[in-house]
Amino acid sequence: MERFGRLMLPLLFVGLLIGCRERRVEVSDPFYLDYIEDPQAVGLRVCGGHGCAGVDGLPGASVYGNGPHVVAAGANQAFIAVEQKQIGNDQGPSTYYYFARRFDPKTGGAAHPTVVGPLDEQQFLRRKAQLGLPDLTIKP
């Protein structure tokens, strides 16, 4: 029985690691779609050597399972963009946000973004045409 336990512990650890990775979808490193507890509460997070954090200025779902969640995202060399809907109302209207990608030479990572939004669909499509915002093809 002890031998069985020694074999199962590494397999359990590997299973936990794989399970944690499966829920994170890369938008464009270091930006990922992820959730903390509720799979419906997907948010855009910036991840680095010390873990992941939400993007300041981008609304997200609350721990109570309400509020906006990301239903699609996109990235190109200049911008990151997301489409959000209210949890439990995926047929309702979308709100859109975007921000310019910037590099912070002090930290060697992504600089603190200035998030633009909320925009409705028509406003987003106009900005997309004007600025070359990315297509929202990445789904959680």
N, C-alpha and C. Protein backbone atom coordinates (compact mmCIF):
# COMPACT_ATOMS: atom_id res chain seq x y z
N MET A 1 0.83 -1.20 0.00
CA MET A 1 0.00 0.00 0.00
C MET A 1 0.87 1.25 0.00
N GLU A 2 1.98 1.20 0.74
CA GLU A 2 2.87 2.36 0.78
C GLU A 2 3.47 2.64 -0.60
N ARG A 3 3.79 1.58 -1.32
CA ARG A 3 4.32 1.72 -2.68
C ARG A 3 3.28 2.38 -3.59
N PHE A 4 2.04 2.00 -3.44
CA PHE A 4 0.96 2.59 -4.22
C PHE A 4 0.88 4.09 -3.94
N GLY A 5 0.98 4.47 -2.67
CA GLY A 5 0.93 5.87 -2.28
C GLY A 5 2.08 6.66 -2.89
N ARG A 6 3.27 6.09 -2.92
CA ARG A 6 4.42 6.78 -3.51
C ARG A 6 4.25 6.97 -5.01
N LEU A 7 3.60 6.05 -5.66
CA LEU A 7 3.36 6.19 -7.10
C LEU A 7 2.24 7.20 -7.39
N MET A 8 1.24 7.22 -6.55
CA MET A 8 0.09 8.07 -6.81
C MET A 8 0.37 9.55 -6.52
N LEU A 9 1.20 9.84 -5.55
CA LEU A 9 1.47 11.24 -5.19
C LEU A 9 2.04 12.03 -6.35
N PRO A 10 3.08 11.54 -7.05
CA PRO A 10 3.56 12.30 -8.21
C PRO A 10 2.51 12.43 -9.31
N LEU A 11 1.71 11.38 -9.53
CA LEU A 11 0.67 11.46 -10.55
C LEU A 11 -0.40 12.48 -10.18
N LEU A 12 -0.75 12.55 -8.91
CA LEU A 12 -1.72 13.54 -8.45
C LEU A 12 -1.18 14.95 -8.66
N PHE A 13 0.10 15.15 -8.33
CA PHE A 13 0.72 16.46 -8.50
C PHE A 13 0.72 16.87 -9.97
N VAL A 14 1.09 15.98 -10.86
CA VAL A 14 1.09 16.26 -12.29
C VAL A 14 -0.33 16.55 -12.76
N GLY A 15 -1.30 15.80 -12.27
CA GLY A 15 -2.69 16.04 -12.63
C GLY A 15 -3.17 17.42 -12.20
N LEU A 16 -2.77 17.85 -11.03
CA LEU A 16 -3.13 19.19 -10.56
C LEU A 16 -2.50 20.26 -11.44
N LEU A 17 -1.25 20.07 -11.80
CA LEU A 17 -0.59 21.05 -12.66
C LEU A 17 -1.27 21.14 -14.02
N ILE A 18 -1.60 20.01 -14.59
CA ILE A 18 -2.26 20.00 -15.89
C ILE A 18 -3.63 20.65 -15.78
N GLY A 19 -4.37 20.33 -14.73
CA GLY A 19 -5.70 20.91 -14.53
C GLY A 19 -5.65 22.42 -14.41
N CYS A 20 -4.64 22.94 -13.74
CA CYS A 20 -4.52 24.39 -13.59
C CYS A 20 -4.21 25.06 -14.92
N ARG A 21 -3.43 24.43 -15.74
CA ARG A 21 -3.05 25.02 -17.02
C ARG A 21 -4.20 25.00 -18.02
N GLU A 22 -5.05 24.00 -17.94
CA GLU A 22 -6.12 23.85 -18.93
C GLU A 22 -7.09 25.02 -18.93
N ARG A 23 -7.26 25.67 -17.81
CA ARG A 23 -8.25 26.74 -17.75
C ARG A 23 -7.71 28.07 -18.25
N ARG A 24 -6.43 28.19 -18.46
CA ARG A 24 -5.82 29.43 -18.93
C ARG A 24 -5.65 29.35 -20.45
N VAL A 25 -6.15 30.39 -21.14
CA VAL A 25 -6.05 30.46 -22.59
C VAL A 25 -5.20 31.69 -22.93
N GLU A 26 -4.13 31.48 -23.67
CA GLU A 26 -3.26 32.60 -24.02
C GLU A 26 -3.93 33.50 -25.06
N VAL A 27 -3.95 34.79 -24.74
CA VAL A 27 -4.37 35.80 -25.71
C VAL A 27 -3.12 36.25 -26.45
N SER A 28 -2.12 36.68 -25.72
CA SER A 28 -0.79 37.02 -26.22
C SER A 28 0.06 37.28 -24.99
N ASP A 29 1.06 36.45 -24.78
CA ASP A 29 1.87 36.53 -23.58
C ASP A 29 2.30 37.97 -23.30
N PRO A 30 2.08 38.49 -22.13
CA PRO A 30 1.69 37.88 -20.86
C PRO A 30 0.20 37.97 -20.54
N PHE A 31 -0.67 38.12 -21.52
CA PHE A 31 -2.11 38.27 -21.28
C PHE A 31 -2.83 36.95 -21.55
N TYR A 32 -3.68 36.55 -20.58
CA TYR A 32 -4.37 35.26 -20.64
C TYR A 32 -5.83 35.43 -20.21
N LEU A 33 -6.70 34.59 -20.75
CA LEU A 33 -8.06 34.46 -20.23
C LEU A 33 -8.03 33.38 -19.17
N ASP A 34 -8.60 33.67 -18.02
CA ASP A 34 -8.51 32.75 -16.89
C ASP A 34 -9.66 33.05 -15.94
N TYR A 35 -9.92 32.13 -15.04
CA TYR A 35 -10.88 32.37 -13.97
C TYR A 35 -10.27 31.87 -12.67
N ILE A 36 -10.79 32.38 -11.56
CA ILE A 36 -10.25 31.99 -10.27
C ILE A 36 -11.02 30.81 -9.71
N GLU A 37 -12.34 30.94 -9.54
CA GLU A 37 -13.14 29.84 -9.02
C GLU A 37 -14.28 29.45 -9.95
N ASP A 38 -14.98 30.43 -10.46
CA ASP A 38 -16.18 30.18 -11.26
C ASP A 38 -15.82 30.16 -12.75
N PRO A 39 -16.00 29.04 -13.44
CA PRO A 39 -15.66 28.97 -14.86
C PRO A 39 -16.42 29.95 -15.74
N GLN A 40 -17.55 30.48 -15.24
CA GLN A 40 -18.28 31.49 -16.01
C GLN A 40 -17.66 32.88 -15.84
N ALA A 41 -16.85 33.07 -14.82
CA ALA A 41 -16.29 34.39 -14.50
C ALA A 41 -14.90 34.57 -15.11
N VAL A 42 -14.82 34.42 -16.42
CA VAL A 42 -13.53 34.53 -17.12
C VAL A 42 -13.13 36.00 -17.21
N GLY A 43 -11.87 36.26 -16.93
CA GLY A 43 -11.35 37.61 -17.03
C GLY A 43 -10.02 37.62 -17.77
N LEU A 44 -9.62 38.79 -18.18
CA LEU A 44 -8.31 38.96 -18.79
C LEU A 44 -7.32 39.22 -17.67
N ARG A 45 -6.23 38.47 -17.66
CA ARG A 45 -5.21 38.61 -16.61
C ARG A 45 -3.85 38.77 -17.26
N VAL A 46 -3.00 39.49 -16.55
CA VAL A 46 -1.60 39.60 -16.96
C VAL A 46 -0.80 38.70 -16.03
N CYS A 47 0.00 37.82 -16.59
CA CYS A 47 0.72 36.82 -15.81
C CYS A 47 2.23 37.01 -15.97
N GLY A 48 2.91 36.84 -14.87
CA GLY A 48 4.37 36.96 -14.88
C GLY A 48 4.97 36.01 -13.87
N GLY A 49 6.19 36.29 -13.48
CA GLY A 49 6.92 35.42 -12.57
C GLY A 49 6.31 35.29 -11.19
N HIS A 50 5.46 36.24 -10.81
CA HIS A 50 4.86 36.21 -9.47
C HIS A 50 3.38 35.89 -9.51
N GLY A 51 2.90 35.27 -10.57
CA GLY A 51 1.50 34.90 -10.66
C GLY A 51 0.75 35.78 -11.65
N CYS A 52 -0.57 35.80 -11.49
CA CYS A 52 -1.45 36.54 -12.40
C CYS A 52 -2.27 37.56 -11.63
N ALA A 53 -2.64 38.62 -12.32
CA ALA A 53 -3.49 39.65 -11.73
C ALA A 53 -4.42 40.19 -12.81
N GLY A 54 -5.55 40.72 -12.39
CA GLY A 54 -6.47 41.35 -13.32
C GLY A 54 -5.83 42.59 -13.92
N VAL A 55 -6.36 43.03 -15.03
CA VAL A 55 -5.87 44.23 -15.70
C VAL A 55 -6.60 45.43 -15.10
N ASP A 56 -5.85 46.36 -14.50
CA ASP A 56 -6.45 47.55 -13.89
C ASP A 56 -7.25 48.33 -14.93
N GLY A 57 -8.45 48.73 -14.55
CA GLY A 57 -9.30 49.51 -15.44
C GLY A 57 -10.25 48.67 -16.26
N LEU A 58 -10.10 47.35 -16.20
CA LEU A 58 -10.99 46.45 -16.94
C LEU A 58 -11.93 45.78 -15.94
N PRO A 59 -13.25 46.05 -16.01
CA PRO A 59 -14.16 45.44 -15.05
C PRO A 59 -14.18 43.93 -15.18
N GLY A 60 -14.43 43.27 -14.06
CA GLY A 60 -14.49 41.82 -14.06
C GLY A 60 -15.58 41.32 -13.16
N ALA A 61 -15.81 40.04 -13.20
CA ALA A 61 -16.85 39.41 -12.38
C ALA A 61 -16.47 39.47 -10.92
N SER A 62 -17.47 39.56 -10.07
CA SER A 62 -17.23 39.58 -8.63
C SER A 62 -17.14 38.15 -8.11
N VAL A 63 -16.70 38.03 -6.88
CA VAL A 63 -16.63 36.71 -6.25
C VAL A 63 -18.02 36.13 -6.02
N TYR A 64 -19.06 36.95 -6.19
CA TYR A 64 -20.43 36.49 -6.01
C TYR A 64 -21.03 35.94 -7.30
N GLY A 65 -20.23 35.88 -8.38
CA GLY A 65 -20.70 35.30 -9.63
C GLY A 65 -21.58 36.21 -10.44
N ASN A 66 -21.43 37.53 -10.25
CA ASN A 66 -22.18 38.45 -11.09
C ASN A 66 -21.22 39.48 -11.68
N GLY A 67 -21.73 40.26 -12.60
CA GLY A 67 -20.87 41.24 -13.26
C GLY A 67 -20.43 40.76 -14.63
N PRO A 68 -19.54 41.50 -15.25
CA PRO A 68 -19.13 41.15 -16.61
C PRO A 68 -18.07 40.04 -16.64
N HIS A 69 -18.09 39.29 -17.72
CA HIS A 69 -17.05 38.28 -17.97
C HIS A 69 -16.65 38.36 -19.44
N VAL A 70 -15.45 37.92 -19.73
CA VAL A 70 -14.91 37.98 -21.09
C VAL A 70 -15.45 36.80 -21.89
N VAL A 71 -16.02 37.11 -23.06
CA VAL A 71 -16.50 36.06 -23.96
C VAL A 71 -15.62 35.91 -25.19
N ALA A 72 -14.78 36.92 -25.45
CA ALA A 72 -13.85 36.85 -26.59
C ALA A 72 -12.76 37.88 -26.39
N ALA A 73 -11.61 37.60 -26.96
CA ALA A 73 -10.47 38.52 -26.87
C ALA A 73 -9.67 38.44 -28.17
N GLY A 74 -8.81 39.40 -28.35
CA GLY A 74 -7.94 39.41 -29.51
C GLY A 74 -6.70 40.23 -29.22
N ALA A 75 -5.67 39.98 -29.99
CA ALA A 75 -4.41 40.70 -29.80
C ALA A 75 -3.72 40.84 -31.15
N ASN A 76 -3.02 41.94 -31.29
CA ASN A 76 -2.10 42.11 -32.39
C ASN A 76 -0.87 42.81 -31.82
N GLN A 77 0.03 43.25 -32.64
CA GLN A 77 1.26 43.83 -32.13
C GLN A 77 1.03 45.14 -31.40
N ALA A 78 -0.08 45.81 -31.68
CA ALA A 78 -0.32 47.13 -31.09
C ALA A 78 -1.36 47.13 -29.97
N PHE A 79 -2.36 46.22 -30.02
CA PHE A 79 -3.48 46.31 -29.08
C PHE A 79 -3.93 44.94 -28.55
N ILE A 80 -4.58 45.00 -27.38
CA ILE A 80 -5.34 43.89 -26.81
C ILE A 80 -6.78 44.39 -26.71
N ALA A 81 -7.76 43.55 -27.09
CA ALA A 81 -9.17 43.94 -27.01
C ALA A 81 -9.98 42.78 -26.45
N VAL A 82 -11.07 43.12 -25.75
CA VAL A 82 -11.95 42.09 -25.20
C VAL A 82 -13.41 42.48 -25.41
N GLU A 83 -14.24 41.45 -25.50
CA GLU A 83 -15.69 41.60 -25.50
C GLU A 83 -16.20 40.99 -24.20
N GLN A 84 -17.07 41.73 -23.51
CA GLN A 84 -17.64 41.24 -22.27
C GLN A 84 -19.16 41.19 -22.35
N LYS A 85 -19.73 40.28 -21.56
CA LYS A 85 -21.18 40.21 -21.36
C LYS A 85 -21.42 40.01 -19.87
N GLN A 86 -22.63 40.27 -19.43
CA GLN A 86 -22.98 40.03 -18.04
C GLN A 86 -23.14 38.53 -17.82
N ILE A 87 -22.63 38.03 -16.71
CA ILE A 87 -22.79 36.61 -16.38
C ILE A 87 -24.28 36.30 -16.33
N GLY A 88 -24.68 35.21 -16.99
CA GLY A 88 -26.07 34.79 -17.03
C GLY A 88 -26.89 35.47 -18.10
N ASN A 89 -26.26 36.35 -18.90
CA ASN A 89 -26.99 37.05 -19.96
C ASN A 89 -26.15 37.09 -21.23
N ASP A 90 -25.73 35.92 -21.69
CA ASP A 90 -24.88 35.87 -22.88
C ASP A 90 -25.61 36.25 -24.16
N GLN A 91 -26.93 36.36 -24.11
CA GLN A 91 -27.68 36.82 -25.29
C GLN A 91 -27.83 38.34 -25.27
N GLY A 92 -27.48 38.97 -24.16
CA GLY A 92 -27.63 40.42 -24.02
C GLY A 92 -26.53 41.18 -24.74
N PRO A 93 -26.56 42.51 -24.60
CA PRO A 93 -25.57 43.34 -25.31
C PRO A 93 -24.16 43.13 -24.78
N SER A 94 -23.21 43.33 -25.67
CA SER A 94 -21.79 43.24 -25.31
C SER A 94 -21.24 44.62 -25.02
N THR A 95 -20.20 44.65 -24.21
CA THR A 95 -19.40 45.85 -24.05
C THR A 95 -17.99 45.49 -24.45
N TYR A 96 -17.27 46.46 -24.99
CA TYR A 96 -15.94 46.23 -25.54
C TYR A 96 -14.93 47.16 -24.88
N TYR A 97 -13.72 46.66 -24.73
CA TYR A 97 -12.61 47.41 -24.16
C TYR A 97 -11.36 47.11 -24.97
N TYR A 98 -10.45 48.05 -24.99
CA TYR A 98 -9.15 47.80 -25.62
C TYR A 98 -8.10 48.66 -24.93
N PHE A 99 -6.86 48.26 -25.13
CA PHE A 99 -5.73 49.07 -24.65
C PHE A 99 -4.52 48.80 -25.53
N ALA A 100 -3.66 49.81 -25.58
CA ALA A 100 -2.43 49.70 -26.36
C ALA A 100 -1.42 48.85 -25.60
N ARG A 101 -0.71 48.02 -26.32
CA ARG A 101 0.37 47.22 -25.71
C ARG A 101 1.57 48.13 -25.52
N ARG A 102 2.09 48.14 -24.32
CA ARG A 102 3.28 48.94 -24.03
C ARG A 102 4.25 48.11 -23.22
N PHE A 103 5.51 48.37 -23.42
CA PHE A 103 6.59 47.66 -22.74
C PHE A 103 7.18 48.57 -21.66
N ASP A 104 7.41 48.01 -20.48
CA ASP A 104 8.03 48.76 -19.38
C ASP A 104 9.51 48.36 -19.30
N PRO A 105 10.41 49.26 -19.70
CA PRO A 105 11.83 48.90 -19.69
C PRO A 105 12.39 48.64 -18.29
N LYS A 106 11.75 49.21 -17.26
CA LYS A 106 12.23 48.99 -15.88
C LYS A 106 11.98 47.57 -15.41
N THR A 107 10.79 47.03 -15.74
CA THR A 107 10.45 45.69 -15.27
C THR A 107 10.70 44.62 -16.32
N GLY A 108 10.84 45.04 -17.57
CA GLY A 108 11.03 44.08 -18.65
C GLY A 108 9.74 43.40 -19.06
N GLY A 109 8.60 43.93 -18.60
CA GLY A 109 7.32 43.31 -18.92
C GLY A 109 6.34 44.33 -19.46
N ALA A 110 5.06 43.96 -19.38
CA ALA A 110 4.00 44.83 -19.88
C ALA A 110 3.85 46.05 -18.97
N ALA A 111 3.71 47.21 -19.57
CA ALA A 111 3.49 48.44 -18.82
C ALA A 111 2.02 48.53 -18.42
N HIS A 112 1.75 49.31 -17.39
CA HIS A 112 0.38 49.52 -16.91
C HIS A 112 -0.45 50.12 -18.05
N PRO A 113 -1.51 49.43 -18.48
CA PRO A 113 -2.28 49.92 -19.63
C PRO A 113 -3.30 50.99 -19.25
N THR A 114 -3.66 51.78 -20.22
CA THR A 114 -4.79 52.70 -20.11
C THR A 114 -5.93 52.07 -20.90
N VAL A 115 -6.91 51.56 -20.18
CA VAL A 115 -8.02 50.84 -20.81
C VAL A 115 -9.04 51.84 -21.34
N VAL A 116 -9.47 51.62 -22.58
CA VAL A 116 -10.50 52.44 -23.22
C VAL A 116 -11.79 51.62 -23.27
N GLY A 117 -12.88 52.19 -22.78
CA GLY A 117 -14.16 51.51 -22.78
C GLY A 117 -14.93 51.87 -21.53
N PRO A 118 -16.16 51.49 -21.42
CA PRO A 118 -16.86 50.55 -22.28
C PRO A 118 -17.34 51.19 -23.58
N LEU A 119 -17.30 50.40 -24.63
CA LEU A 119 -17.80 50.79 -25.94
C LEU A 119 -18.92 49.84 -26.33
N ASP A 120 -19.91 50.34 -27.04
CA ASP A 120 -20.91 49.43 -27.60
C ASP A 120 -20.34 48.86 -28.91
N GLU A 121 -21.08 47.97 -29.55
CA GLU A 121 -20.57 47.29 -30.74
C GLU A 121 -20.22 48.26 -31.87
N GLN A 122 -21.08 49.23 -32.13
CA GLN A 122 -20.83 50.18 -33.22
C GLN A 122 -19.59 51.04 -32.93
N GLN A 123 -19.46 51.50 -31.70
CA GLN A 123 -18.27 52.29 -31.32
C GLN A 123 -17.01 51.45 -31.48
N PHE A 124 -17.09 50.18 -31.05
CA PHE A 124 -15.92 49.31 -31.16
C PHE A 124 -15.54 49.10 -32.63
N LEU A 125 -16.53 48.84 -33.48
CA LEU A 125 -16.25 48.60 -34.90
C LEU A 125 -15.63 49.84 -35.56
N ARG A 126 -16.08 51.04 -35.17
CA ARG A 126 -15.47 52.27 -35.70
C ARG A 126 -14.01 52.38 -35.27
N ARG A 127 -13.75 52.15 -33.98
CA ARG A 127 -12.37 52.22 -33.48
C ARG A 127 -11.50 51.14 -34.11
N LYS A 128 -12.09 49.97 -34.32
CA LYS A 128 -11.36 48.87 -34.95
C LYS A 128 -10.90 49.28 -36.34
N ALA A 129 -11.79 49.91 -37.10
CA ALA A 129 -11.44 50.37 -38.45
C ALA A 129 -10.42 51.50 -38.41
N GLN A 130 -10.56 52.42 -37.47
CA GLN A 130 -9.66 53.57 -37.37
C GLN A 130 -8.26 53.18 -36.90
N LEU A 131 -8.20 52.32 -35.89
CA LEU A 131 -6.92 52.03 -35.21
C LEU A 131 -6.29 50.70 -35.60
N GLY A 132 -7.07 49.85 -36.23
CA GLY A 132 -6.54 48.51 -36.54
C GLY A 132 -6.58 47.60 -35.32
N LEU A 133 -7.67 47.70 -34.53
CA LEU A 133 -7.82 46.81 -33.38
C LEU A 133 -7.93 45.37 -33.86
N PRO A 134 -7.54 44.41 -33.01
CA PRO A 134 -7.56 43.01 -33.43
C PRO A 134 -8.96 42.42 -33.51
N ASP A 135 -9.08 41.35 -34.31
CA ASP A 135 -10.30 40.56 -34.33
C ASP A 135 -10.42 39.83 -33.00
N LEU A 136 -11.64 39.62 -32.55
CA LEU A 136 -11.89 38.97 -31.26
C LEU A 136 -12.14 37.48 -31.51
N THR A 137 -11.09 36.76 -31.79
CA THR A 137 -11.20 35.36 -32.19
C THR A 137 -10.83 34.35 -31.09
N ILE A 138 -10.31 34.84 -29.98
CA ILE A 138 -9.87 33.93 -28.90
C ILE A 138 -11.01 33.79 -27.89
N LYS A 139 -11.46 32.57 -27.71
CA LYS A 139 -12.59 32.27 -26.81
C LYS A 139 -12.06 31.54 -25.58
N PRO A 140 -12.72 31.75 -24.43
CA PRO A 140 -12.29 31.04 -23.20
C PRO A 140 -12.50 29.55 -23.32
